[in-house]
Amino acid sequence: MVIKEILLMKQNVGITMQGQWQEFQYSAVTKSMTITSRPGRYFWSNGYSWGICEVKLNEVIIEVLKGSLDLNSFARKGRVAKQFQNLHISEGQKNIIVN
């Protein structure tokens, strides 16, 4: 059922997943996320939750479509990580990170 939901979501939001796996990392231990610096819309999943990251020139919009996401740090490849104190993004919410 989960795979079917992901495929339907992928079709509905117009993203591509090919070639992006190596440019996304998430650590549940440190609650940190790193994603590509290239502008675009990217699927992310941490094993419990998933959603979309929209990378723009000076900001990233993280949207949680299923589950929730806790972050202590977020970075784009090649940039300094932005630190948080227990940032929590719930299902259906978006958060804009200037980075």
N, C-alpha and C. Protein backbone atom coordinates (compact mmCIF):
# COMPACT_ATOMS: atom_id res chain seq x y z
N MET A 1 0.81 -1.20 0.00
CA MET A 1 0.00 0.00 0.00
C MET A 1 0.86 1.26 0.00
N VAL A 2 1.95 1.25 0.77
CA VAL A 2 2.80 2.43 0.86
C VAL A 2 3.40 2.76 -0.50
N ILE A 3 3.91 1.76 -1.21
CA ILE A 3 4.51 1.99 -2.53
C ILE A 3 3.47 2.59 -3.48
N LYS A 4 2.25 2.09 -3.44
CA LYS A 4 1.19 2.61 -4.29
C LYS A 4 0.93 4.09 -3.98
N GLU A 5 0.91 4.45 -2.68
CA GLU A 5 0.70 5.85 -2.28
C GLU A 5 1.83 6.73 -2.80
N ILE A 6 3.07 6.26 -2.71
CA ILE A 6 4.22 7.04 -3.18
C ILE A 6 4.12 7.26 -4.69
N LEU A 7 3.80 6.22 -5.44
CA LEU A 7 3.70 6.35 -6.89
C LEU A 7 2.58 7.30 -7.28
N LEU A 8 1.45 7.22 -6.61
CA LEU A 8 0.35 8.14 -6.89
C LEU A 8 0.74 9.57 -6.54
N MET A 9 1.42 9.76 -5.41
CA MET A 9 1.86 11.08 -5.01
C MET A 9 2.84 11.63 -6.04
N LYS A 10 3.77 10.80 -6.49
CA LYS A 10 4.76 11.21 -7.49
C LYS A 10 4.08 11.72 -8.75
N GLN A 11 3.04 11.04 -9.20
CA GLN A 11 2.31 11.46 -10.39
C GLN A 11 1.60 12.79 -10.16
N ASN A 12 1.06 12.98 -8.97
CA ASN A 12 0.27 14.18 -8.68
C ASN A 12 1.10 15.44 -8.51
N VAL A 13 2.33 15.33 -8.06
CA VAL A 13 3.12 16.55 -7.80
C VAL A 13 4.15 16.85 -8.88
N GLY A 14 4.29 15.99 -9.87
CA GLY A 14 5.16 16.27 -11.00
C GLY A 14 6.64 16.31 -10.67
N ILE A 15 7.14 15.31 -9.97
CA ILE A 15 8.56 15.27 -9.65
C ILE A 15 9.21 14.09 -10.34
N THR A 16 10.53 14.13 -10.38
CA THR A 16 11.27 12.97 -10.86
C THR A 16 12.13 12.44 -9.73
N MET A 17 12.32 11.14 -9.71
CA MET A 17 13.11 10.52 -8.67
C MET A 17 14.41 9.95 -9.22
N GLN A 18 14.57 9.82 -10.50
CA GLN A 18 15.76 9.21 -11.07
C GLN A 18 16.99 10.06 -10.80
N GLY A 19 18.05 9.42 -10.35
CA GLY A 19 19.32 10.09 -10.17
C GLY A 19 19.42 10.99 -8.96
N GLN A 20 18.42 11.02 -8.11
CA GLN A 20 18.46 11.93 -6.96
C GLN A 20 18.79 11.23 -5.65
N TRP A 21 18.78 9.91 -5.62
CA TRP A 21 18.98 9.18 -4.36
C TRP A 21 20.32 9.53 -3.71
N GLN A 22 21.39 9.67 -4.49
CA GLN A 22 22.69 9.94 -3.92
C GLN A 22 22.81 11.37 -3.41
N GLU A 23 21.85 12.22 -3.67
CA GLU A 23 21.93 13.61 -3.24
C GLU A 23 20.97 13.93 -2.10
N PHE A 24 20.57 12.92 -1.37
CA PHE A 24 19.70 13.10 -0.21
C PHE A 24 20.21 12.21 0.91
N GLN A 25 20.34 12.79 2.10
CA GLN A 25 20.72 12.02 3.28
C GLN A 25 19.87 12.47 4.45
N TYR A 26 19.48 11.51 5.27
CA TYR A 26 18.77 11.82 6.50
C TYR A 26 19.32 10.94 7.61
N SER A 27 19.59 11.53 8.76
CA SER A 27 20.03 10.78 9.93
C SER A 27 18.98 10.93 11.03
N ALA A 28 18.38 9.82 11.43
CA ALA A 28 17.42 9.85 12.53
C ALA A 28 18.13 10.07 13.86
N VAL A 29 19.39 9.68 13.95
CA VAL A 29 20.16 9.84 15.17
C VAL A 29 20.40 11.32 15.46
N THR A 30 20.90 12.05 14.45
CA THR A 30 21.20 13.48 14.64
C THR A 30 20.06 14.39 14.19
N LYS A 31 19.03 13.79 13.57
CA LYS A 31 17.90 14.53 13.02
C LYS A 31 18.38 15.60 12.03
N SER A 32 19.22 15.15 11.10
CA SER A 32 19.77 16.07 10.10
C SER A 32 19.40 15.60 8.69
N MET A 33 19.22 16.57 7.81
CA MET A 33 18.87 16.30 6.42
C MET A 33 19.78 17.12 5.52
N THR A 34 20.24 16.48 4.44
CA THR A 34 21.03 17.16 3.42
C THR A 34 20.42 16.81 2.07
N ILE A 35 20.31 17.80 1.20
CA ILE A 35 19.73 17.59 -0.14
C ILE A 35 20.56 18.36 -1.16
N THR A 36 20.35 18.06 -2.41
CA THR A 36 21.06 18.72 -3.50
C THR A 36 20.90 20.23 -3.48
N SER A 37 21.84 20.93 -4.09
CA SER A 37 21.74 22.39 -4.23
C SER A 37 21.08 22.80 -5.53
N ARG A 38 20.87 21.82 -6.42
CA ARG A 38 20.27 22.13 -7.72
C ARG A 38 18.79 22.46 -7.58
N PRO A 39 18.34 23.58 -8.13
CA PRO A 39 16.91 23.93 -8.08
C PRO A 39 16.04 22.84 -8.70
N GLY A 40 14.88 22.63 -8.08
CA GLY A 40 13.93 21.63 -8.56
C GLY A 40 13.07 21.12 -7.43
N ARG A 41 12.17 20.19 -7.77
CA ARG A 41 11.29 19.55 -6.78
C ARG A 41 11.75 18.12 -6.62
N TYR A 42 12.00 17.71 -5.37
CA TYR A 42 12.57 16.40 -5.10
C TYR A 42 11.77 15.65 -4.05
N PHE A 43 11.62 14.37 -4.27
CA PHE A 43 11.00 13.47 -3.31
C PHE A 43 12.01 13.17 -2.20
N TRP A 44 11.56 13.13 -0.96
CA TRP A 44 12.39 12.67 0.14
C TRP A 44 11.62 11.66 0.98
N SER A 45 12.34 10.78 1.62
CA SER A 45 11.74 9.81 2.54
C SER A 45 12.79 9.43 3.58
N ASN A 46 12.35 9.33 4.83
CA ASN A 46 13.28 8.93 5.88
C ASN A 46 12.93 7.54 6.42
N GLY A 47 12.06 6.83 5.74
CA GLY A 47 11.66 5.50 6.19
C GLY A 47 10.35 5.50 6.97
N TYR A 48 10.01 6.63 7.57
CA TYR A 48 8.77 6.74 8.35
C TYR A 48 7.84 7.80 7.77
N SER A 49 8.42 8.76 7.10
CA SER A 49 7.68 9.89 6.55
C SER A 49 8.20 10.18 5.16
N TRP A 50 7.42 10.94 4.38
CA TRP A 50 7.90 11.36 3.07
C TRP A 50 7.21 12.64 2.65
N GLY A 51 7.82 13.25 1.63
CA GLY A 51 7.27 14.50 1.14
C GLY A 51 8.09 15.04 -0.01
N ILE A 52 8.05 16.36 -0.16
CA ILE A 52 8.70 17.05 -1.27
C ILE A 52 9.60 18.15 -0.71
N CYS A 53 10.78 18.29 -1.30
CA CYS A 53 11.63 19.45 -1.06
C CYS A 53 11.68 20.24 -2.35
N GLU A 54 11.31 21.49 -2.29
CA GLU A 54 11.43 22.35 -3.45
C GLU A 54 12.63 23.27 -3.23
N VAL A 55 13.68 23.03 -4.01
CA VAL A 55 14.92 23.79 -3.88
C VAL A 55 14.86 24.99 -4.81
N LYS A 56 15.02 26.17 -4.23
CA LYS A 56 15.06 27.42 -5.00
C LYS A 56 16.43 28.06 -4.79
N LEU A 57 16.64 29.20 -5.38
CA LEU A 57 17.96 29.84 -5.32
C LEU A 57 18.44 30.07 -3.89
N ASN A 58 17.62 30.70 -3.06
CA ASN A 58 18.05 31.02 -1.69
C ASN A 58 17.17 30.43 -0.60
N GLU A 59 16.31 29.49 -0.96
CA GLU A 59 15.47 28.86 0.04
C GLU A 59 15.07 27.46 -0.39
N VAL A 60 14.66 26.68 0.60
CA VAL A 60 14.15 25.34 0.36
C VAL A 60 12.82 25.23 1.08
N ILE A 61 11.81 24.72 0.39
CA ILE A 61 10.50 24.49 1.01
C ILE A 61 10.38 23.00 1.25
N ILE A 62 10.28 22.62 2.51
CA ILE A 62 10.10 21.21 2.87
C ILE A 62 8.63 21.00 3.16
N GLU A 63 8.04 20.05 2.45
CA GLU A 63 6.63 19.71 2.67
C GLU A 63 6.53 18.26 3.09
N VAL A 64 5.80 18.01 4.18
CA VAL A 64 5.57 16.65 4.66
C VAL A 64 4.20 16.21 4.18
N LEU A 65 4.18 15.17 3.35
CA LEU A 65 2.92 14.67 2.80
C LEU A 65 2.38 13.48 3.61
N LYS A 66 3.26 12.77 4.30
CA LYS A 66 2.84 11.64 5.13
C LYS A 66 3.76 11.55 6.34
N GLY A 67 3.21 11.45 7.52
CA GLY A 67 4.00 11.35 8.74
C GLY A 67 4.40 12.71 9.27
N SER A 68 5.58 12.78 9.89
CA SER A 68 6.11 14.04 10.41
C SER A 68 7.63 13.99 10.31
N LEU A 69 8.25 15.15 10.43
CA LEU A 69 9.69 15.27 10.28
C LEU A 69 10.25 16.13 11.40
N ASP A 70 11.24 15.61 12.11
CA ASP A 70 11.94 16.36 13.15
C ASP A 70 13.35 16.66 12.66
N LEU A 71 13.75 17.91 12.74
CA LEU A 71 15.08 18.32 12.27
C LEU A 71 15.81 19.15 13.32
N ASN A 72 17.09 18.85 13.47
CA ASN A 72 18.00 19.70 14.25
C ASN A 72 18.93 20.46 13.32
N SER A 73 19.12 19.94 12.09
CA SER A 73 19.92 20.66 11.11
C SER A 73 19.49 20.30 9.70
N PHE A 74 19.70 21.24 8.79
CA PHE A 74 19.36 21.05 7.39
C PHE A 74 20.43 21.73 6.55
N ALA A 75 20.85 21.05 5.48
CA ALA A 75 21.86 21.65 4.60
C ALA A 75 21.58 21.28 3.15
N ARG A 76 22.03 22.17 2.28
CA ARG A 76 22.11 21.85 0.86
C ARG A 76 23.56 21.51 0.58
N LYS A 77 23.78 20.58 -0.33
CA LYS A 77 25.16 20.19 -0.66
C LYS A 77 25.99 21.43 -0.98
N GLY A 78 27.16 21.50 -0.37
CA GLY A 78 28.07 22.61 -0.63
C GLY A 78 27.79 23.86 0.19
N ARG A 79 26.81 23.82 1.07
CA ARG A 79 26.49 24.98 1.90
C ARG A 79 26.56 24.61 3.38
N VAL A 80 26.68 25.62 4.21
CA VAL A 80 26.73 25.41 5.65
C VAL A 80 25.35 25.01 6.16
N ALA A 81 25.31 24.05 7.06
CA ALA A 81 24.03 23.58 7.61
C ALA A 81 23.38 24.64 8.48
N LYS A 82 22.08 24.70 8.40
CA LYS A 82 21.29 25.59 9.27
C LYS A 82 20.86 24.75 10.48
N GLN A 83 21.06 25.29 11.67
CA GLN A 83 20.77 24.57 12.91
C GLN A 83 19.41 24.98 13.48
N PHE A 84 18.72 24.03 14.08
CA PHE A 84 17.42 24.27 14.71
C PHE A 84 17.41 23.64 16.09
N GLN A 85 16.46 24.05 16.89
CA GLN A 85 16.20 23.38 18.15
C GLN A 85 14.86 22.67 18.01
N ASN A 86 14.94 21.40 17.61
CA ASN A 86 13.76 20.55 17.50
C ASN A 86 12.67 21.10 16.57
N LEU A 87 13.04 21.40 15.34
CA LEU A 87 12.04 21.80 14.34
C LEU A 87 11.16 20.60 14.03
N HIS A 88 9.86 20.75 14.16
CA HIS A 88 8.90 19.66 13.89
C HIS A 88 7.95 20.11 12.79
N ILE A 89 7.89 19.31 11.72
CA ILE A 89 6.97 19.60 10.62
C ILE A 89 5.98 18.44 10.55
N SER A 90 4.71 18.73 10.73
CA SER A 90 3.68 17.70 10.75
C SER A 90 3.13 17.44 9.35
N GLU A 91 2.45 16.33 9.21
CA GLU A 91 1.82 15.96 7.94
C GLU A 91 0.92 17.10 7.46
N GLY A 92 1.10 17.46 6.18
CA GLY A 92 0.30 18.52 5.58
C GLY A 92 0.91 19.90 5.75
N GLN A 93 2.01 20.02 6.48
CA GLN A 93 2.63 21.33 6.70
C GLN A 93 3.83 21.53 5.79
N LYS A 94 4.17 22.81 5.58
CA LYS A 94 5.35 23.21 4.83
C LYS A 94 6.20 24.08 5.73
N ASN A 95 7.50 24.07 5.49
CA ASN A 95 8.41 24.95 6.23
C ASN A 95 9.41 25.51 5.23
N ILE A 96 9.62 26.81 5.27
CA ILE A 96 10.57 27.46 4.37
C ILE A 96 11.87 27.67 5.13
N ILE A 97 12.95 27.17 4.56
CA ILE A 97 14.28 27.31 5.16
C ILE A 97 15.11 28.18 4.23
N VAL A 98 15.55 29.31 4.73
CA VAL A 98 16.42 30.20 3.95
C VAL A 98 17.84 29.70 4.15
N ASN A 99 18.47 29.34 3.03
CA ASN A 99 19.81 28.74 3.12
C ASN A 99 20.55 29.01 1.84
